[in-house]
C-alpha cells in the first residue's frame, strides 16, 4: 500500500512493506531480502519532477507488531507534484553484496498526492 500526501512545501511518500502469507511459510522466510525502490514524482502532465532511488533491506520479524512497521519512505519538495510512481524490484541474490535489480519480481505502484 502506498500513500502520498502534501503538507506545506513537502510531498511525503510512504509504502507499507508486508510479506504475504505464502512467502512467510517458505523455508527461507527469515532471510533478509534486498530490494531497490525508484520513486518518481510527476506533475499534472505526467512529466518527471523529481526522483529517488534507494536500496532497502526487508527482513521478516518474528514480532507481530514489528512486522506492521516496515515502511519505505521518501519525501520531495513540492513543485506542483500531482502523482507518485514507485517501482520495487527484488535484488538478484546471486550477486551477493553487489546485488542489482533483477528485472524480475517487480511491483509498480501509482497514486495521486492528497493535499492537506
Protein backbone atom coordinates (compact mmCIF):
# COMPACT_ATOMS: atom_id res chain seq x y z
CA UNK A 1 0.00 0.00 0.00
CA UNK A 2 1.31 3.43 -0.94
CA UNK A 3 0.26 6.81 0.46
CA UNK A 4 1.41 10.20 -0.80
CA UNK A 5 0.40 13.49 0.75
CA UNK A 6 1.50 17.10 0.68
CA UNK A 7 1.95 19.27 3.75
CA UNK A 8 3.10 22.83 3.11
CA UNK A 9 6.09 22.61 0.72
CA UNK A 10 6.81 18.86 1.00
CA UNK A 11 5.30 15.70 -0.50
CA UNK A 12 5.69 12.65 1.73
CA UNK A 13 5.53 9.12 0.32
CA UNK A 14 5.09 6.00 2.43
CA UNK A 15 4.93 2.42 1.18
CA UNK A 16 3.96 -0.30 3.66
CA UNK A 17 6.04 -3.44 3.20
CA UNK A 18 4.41 -6.72 4.11
CA UNK A 19 5.30 -10.31 3.25
CA UNK A 20 2.44 -12.46 2.00
CA UNK A 21 1.31 -15.47 3.99
CA UNK A 22 2.67 -17.91 1.39
CA UNK A 23 6.07 -16.16 1.45
CA UNK A 24 6.17 -16.28 5.26
CA UNK A 25 5.63 -20.05 5.15
CA UNK A 26 8.67 -20.71 2.92
CA UNK A 27 11.76 -22.31 4.40
CA UNK A 28 13.91 -19.21 3.89
CA UNK A 29 11.26 -16.71 5.03
CA UNK A 30 13.50 -15.22 7.73
CA UNK A 31 16.31 -14.48 5.25
CA UNK A 32 16.68 -10.70 4.69
CA UNK A 33 15.89 -9.57 1.16
CA UNK A 34 17.48 -6.67 -0.67
CA UNK A 35 15.30 -4.70 -2.98
CA UNK A 36 15.51 -1.46 -4.86
CA UNK A 37 12.93 1.30 -4.92
CA UNK A 38 12.61 4.01 -7.54
CA UNK A 39 10.12 6.68 -6.51
CA UNK A 40 9.17 9.20 -9.21
CA UNK A 41 7.29 12.42 -8.54
CA UNK A 42 5.21 13.56 -11.53
CA UNK A 43 3.40 16.80 -12.36
CA UNK A 44 -0.19 17.05 -13.65
CA UNK A 45 1.04 16.34 -17.22
CA UNK A 46 2.83 13.17 -16.16
CA UNK A 47 6.27 14.78 -16.54
CA UNK A 48 9.02 13.77 -14.12
CA UNK A 49 9.62 16.44 -11.46
CA UNK A 50 11.94 14.54 -9.14
CA UNK A 51 13.16 11.01 -8.47
CA UNK A 52 14.59 9.00 -5.60
CA UNK A 53 16.48 5.69 -5.91
CA UNK A 54 17.26 3.66 -2.82
CA UNK A 55 18.29 0.18 -1.77
CA UNK A 56 16.40 -1.37 1.14
CA UNK A 57 16.69 -4.47 3.28
CA UNK A 58 13.45 -6.19 4.23
CA UNK A 59 13.50 -8.81 6.94
CA UNK A 60 10.63 -10.75 8.39
CA UNK A 61 10.49 -10.09 12.11
CA UNK A 62 9.10 -12.68 14.48
CA UNK A 63 7.46 -9.82 16.39
CA UNK A 64 3.93 -9.27 15.03
CA UNK A 65 3.98 -5.56 15.95
CA UNK A 66 7.36 -5.07 14.27
CA UNK A 67 6.03 -6.68 11.08
CA UNK A 68 3.46 -3.91 10.84
CA UNK A 69 6.08 -1.14 11.00
CA UNK A 70 8.23 -1.81 7.93
CA UNK A 71 7.92 1.11 5.58
CA UNK A 72 9.75 2.67 2.70
CA UNK A 73 9.66 6.45 2.97
CA UNK A 74 10.62 9.28 0.64
CA UNK A 75 9.98 12.99 0.51
CA UNK A 76 10.20 15.65 -2.18
CA UNK A 77 9.99 19.43 -2.30
CA UNK A 78 6.52 20.06 -3.73
CA UNK A 79 6.98 21.62 -7.18
CA UNK A 80 3.35 21.03 -8.20
CA UNK A 81 3.67 17.26 -7.77
CA UNK A 82 0.38 15.62 -8.70
CA UNK A 83 1.18 11.90 -8.53
CA UNK A 84 3.77 9.36 -7.45
CA UNK A 85 5.02 6.22 -9.19
CA UNK A 86 7.02 3.69 -7.20
CA UNK A 87 8.78 0.64 -8.63
CA UNK A 88 10.02 -2.01 -6.21
CA UNK A 89 12.42 -4.60 -7.61
CA UNK A 90 13.83 -7.59 -5.76
CA UNK A 91 17.62 -7.75 -5.99
CA UNK A 92 19.36 -10.60 -7.79
CA UNK A 93 20.69 -12.52 -4.77
CA UNK A 94 23.32 -14.31 -6.87
CA UNK A 95 25.27 -11.04 -6.98
CA UNK A 96 25.90 -11.04 -3.20
CA UNK A 97 26.66 -7.60 -1.76
CA UNK A 98 26.88 -6.13 -5.28
CA UNK A 99 23.25 -7.04 -5.98
CA UNK A 100 21.47 -5.21 -8.75
CA UNK A 101 17.76 -5.15 -9.62
CA UNK A 102 16.92 -8.49 -11.18
CA UNK A 103 14.24 -7.23 -13.57
CA UNK A 104 12.02 -9.98 -12.17
CA UNK A 105 9.64 -9.72 -9.23
CA UNK A 106 8.88 -6.09 -9.90
CA UNK A 107 5.96 -4.26 -8.34
CA UNK A 108 4.71 -0.93 -9.69
CA UNK A 109 2.56 1.35 -7.56
CA UNK A 110 0.86 4.58 -8.64
CA UNK A 111 -1.12 7.13 -6.70
CA UNK A 112 -2.26 10.71 -6.56
CA UNK A 113 -0.93 13.15 -3.98
CA UNK A 114 -3.54 14.17 -1.40
CA UNK A 115 -3.41 17.78 -0.22
CA UNK A 116 -3.67 18.69 3.47
